[in-house]
Amino acid sequence: MPNASGTSRYIIRTVHEGPVLAAFIAGIRTNPAVRLLEAIGPQQQPHTAVVETDAATAEQLRQSFSTSNQLMIEPDSPLSLFDRQAAL
């Protein structure tokens, strides 16, 4: 769900182990449209990043990732132990 600035949180993760996410993170540090919120995993080789960006930029990233098949992006959503509908 977009916040007041029109951005949302997204998860970016590696498809296969390797330094590709670390290189992506280094590249987005100069991109004002994408804000790194958290990198998860070893500092030199993280496997997951949480970023904040607008839907159009997220779609551009998704399209660029689909050609390389090295990274994936998806909306960040809260995790729950149980499905709310099943609990009702």
C-alpha atoms as a PDB file:
ATOM      1  CA  MET A   1       0.000   0.000   0.000  1.00  0.00           C
ATOM      2  CA  PRO A   2       1.492   3.373  -1.018  1.00  0.00           C
ATOM      3  CA  ASN A   3       2.337   5.835   1.725  1.00  0.00           C
ATOM      4  CA  ALA A   4       1.681   9.596   1.643  1.00  0.00           C
ATOM      5  CA  SER A   5       4.639  10.200  -0.684  1.00  0.00           C
ATOM      6  CA  GLY A   6       3.291   7.700  -3.242  1.00  0.00           C
ATOM      7  CA  THR A   7       5.962   5.119  -2.554  1.00  0.00           C
ATOM      8  CA  SER A   8       5.716   1.568  -1.257  1.00  0.00           C
ATOM      9  CA  ARG A   9       8.085  -0.985   0.188  1.00  0.00           C
ATOM     10  CA  TYR A  10       9.429  -3.768  -2.025  1.00  0.00           C
ATOM     11  CA  ILE A  11      11.558  -6.834  -1.420  1.00  0.00           C
ATOM     12  CA  ILE A  12      14.390  -7.494  -3.853  1.00  0.00           C
ATOM     13  CA  ARG A  13      16.095 -10.853  -3.580  1.00  0.00           C
ATOM     14  CA  THR A  14      18.621 -12.910  -5.443  1.00  0.00           C
ATOM     15  CA  VAL A  15      17.555 -15.860  -7.558  1.00  0.00           C
ATOM     16  CA  HIS A  16      20.930 -17.584  -7.128  1.00  0.00           C
ATOM     17  CA  GLU A  17      23.694 -16.958  -4.628  1.00  0.00           C
ATOM     18  CA  GLY A  18      26.304 -14.466  -5.715  1.00  0.00           C
ATOM     19  CA  PRO A  19      27.366 -10.827  -5.522  1.00  0.00           C
ATOM     20  CA  VAL A  20      24.661  -9.493  -7.859  1.00  0.00           C
ATOM     21  CA  LEU A  21      22.507  -7.936  -5.113  1.00  0.00           C
ATOM     22  CA  ALA A  22      25.505  -6.174  -3.549  1.00  0.00           C
ATOM     23  CA  ALA A  23      26.270  -4.649  -6.964  1.00  0.00           C
ATOM     24  CA  PHE A  24      22.625  -3.593  -7.366  1.00  0.00           C
ATOM     25  CA  ILE A  25      22.643  -1.962  -3.904  1.00  0.00           C
ATOM     26  CA  ALA A  26      25.830  -0.068  -4.730  1.00  0.00           C
ATOM     27  CA  GLY A  27      24.194   1.195  -7.926  1.00  0.00           C
ATOM     28  CA  ILE A  28      20.962   2.418  -6.344  1.00  0.00           C
ATOM     29  CA  ARG A  29      22.725   4.538  -3.741  1.00  0.00           C
ATOM     30  CA  THR A  30      22.887   7.299  -6.380  1.00  0.00           C
ATOM     31  CA  ASN A  31      19.307   6.768  -7.593  1.00  0.00           C
ATOM     32  CA  PRO A  32      16.946   9.163  -5.775  1.00  0.00           C
ATOM     33  CA  ALA A  33      13.897   7.151  -6.942  1.00  0.00           C
ATOM     34  CA  VAL A  34      14.929   4.090  -4.888  1.00  0.00           C
ATOM     35  CA  ARG A  35      15.709   4.249  -1.168  1.00  0.00           C
ATOM     36  CA  LEU A  36      17.432   1.303   0.504  1.00  0.00           C
ATOM     37  CA  LEU A  37      15.761   0.552   3.837  1.00  0.00           C
ATOM     38  CA  GLU A  38      17.593  -2.634   4.775  1.00  0.00           C
ATOM     39  CA  ALA A  39      20.018  -5.202   3.370  1.00  0.00           C
ATOM     40  CA  ILE A  40      19.688  -8.710   4.784  1.00  0.00           C
ATOM     41  CA  GLY A  41      22.503 -11.249   4.779  1.00  0.00           C
ATOM     42  CA  PRO A  42      26.285 -11.016   4.901  1.00  0.00           C
ATOM     43  CA  GLN A  43      27.523  -7.453   4.310  1.00  0.00           C
ATOM     44  CA  GLN A  44      29.568  -8.376   1.237  1.00  0.00           C
ATOM     45  CA  GLN A  45      26.895 -10.667  -0.223  1.00  0.00           C
ATOM     46  CA  PRO A  46      23.352  -9.839   0.959  1.00  0.00           C
ATOM     47  CA  HIS A  47      20.541 -12.037  -0.332  1.00  0.00           C
ATOM     48  CA  THR A  48      17.595  -9.676   0.251  1.00  0.00           C
ATOM     49  CA  ALA A  49      17.026  -5.928   0.199  1.00  0.00           C
ATOM     50  CA  VAL A  50      14.045  -3.896   1.359  1.00  0.00           C
ATOM     51  CA  VAL A  51      13.609  -0.736  -0.679  1.00  0.00           C
ATOM     52  CA  GLU A  52      11.099   2.055  -0.958  1.00  0.00           C
ATOM     53  CA  THR A  53      10.107   3.337  -4.399  1.00  0.00           C
ATOM     54  CA  ASP A  54       7.119   4.229  -6.544  1.00  0.00           C
ATOM     55  CA  ALA A  55       5.151   1.653  -8.551  1.00  0.00           C
ATOM     56  CA  ALA A  56       6.509   2.809 -11.921  1.00  0.00           C
ATOM     57  CA  THR A  57      10.134   2.434 -10.805  1.00  0.00           C
ATOM     58  CA  ALA A  58       9.361  -0.969  -9.261  1.00  0.00           C
ATOM     59  CA  GLU A  59       7.880  -2.075 -12.591  1.00  0.00           C
ATOM     60  CA  GLN A  60      10.975  -0.858 -14.457  1.00  0.00           C
ATOM     61  CA  LEU A  61      13.138  -2.855 -12.056  1.00  0.00           C
ATOM     62  CA  ARG A  62      10.944  -5.941 -12.495  1.00  0.00           C
ATOM     63  CA  GLN A  63      11.302  -5.725 -16.263  1.00  0.00           C
ATOM     64  CA  SER A  64      15.076  -5.297 -16.101  1.00  0.00           C
ATOM     65  CA  PHE A  65      15.367  -8.191 -13.631  1.00  0.00           C
ATOM     66  CA  SER A  66      13.304 -10.496 -15.863  1.00  0.00           C
ATOM     67  CA  THR A  67      15.853 -10.257 -18.682  1.00  0.00           C
ATOM     68  CA  SER A  68      18.820 -11.161 -16.456  1.00  0.00           C
ATOM     69  CA  ASN A  69      16.989 -13.684 -14.229  1.00  0.00           C
ATOM     70  CA  GLN A  70      19.301 -12.820 -11.319  1.00  0.00           C
ATOM     71  CA  LEU A  71      17.060 -10.681  -9.090  1.00  0.00           C
ATOM     72  CA  MET A  72      13.362 -10.663  -8.228  1.00  0.00           C
ATOM     73  CA  ILE A  73      11.185  -7.846  -6.883  1.00  0.00           C
ATOM     74  CA  GLU A  74       7.851  -8.112  -5.109  1.00  0.00           C
ATOM     75  CA  PRO A  75       5.739  -5.860  -2.888  1.00  0.00           C
ATOM     76  CA  ASP A  76       6.608  -6.091   0.783  1.00  0.00           C
ATOM     77  CA  SER A  77       3.683  -7.232   2.877  1.00  0.00           C
ATOM     78  CA  PRO A  78       3.351  -8.017   6.566  1.00  0.00           C
ATOM     79  CA  LEU A  79       3.846 -11.633   7.510  1.00  0.00           C
ATOM     80  CA  SER A  80       1.384 -13.432   9.709  1.00  0.00           C
ATOM     81  CA  LEU A  81       1.499 -16.827  11.272  1.00  0.00           C
ATOM     82  CA  PHE A  82      -2.094 -17.569  10.367  1.00  0.00           C
ATOM     83  CA  ASP A  83      -4.351 -16.618   7.497  1.00  0.00           C
ATOM     84  CA  ARG A  84      -6.851 -14.076   8.882  1.00  0.00           C
ATOM     85  CA  GLN A  85      -9.754 -15.671   6.981  1.00  0.00           C
ATOM     86  CA  ALA A  86      -8.986 -19.103   8.410  1.00  0.00           C
ATOM     87  CA  ALA A  87      -9.006 -17.683  11.930  1.00  0.00           C
ATOM     88  CA  LEU A  88     -12.472 -16.146  11.517  1.00  0.00           C
END
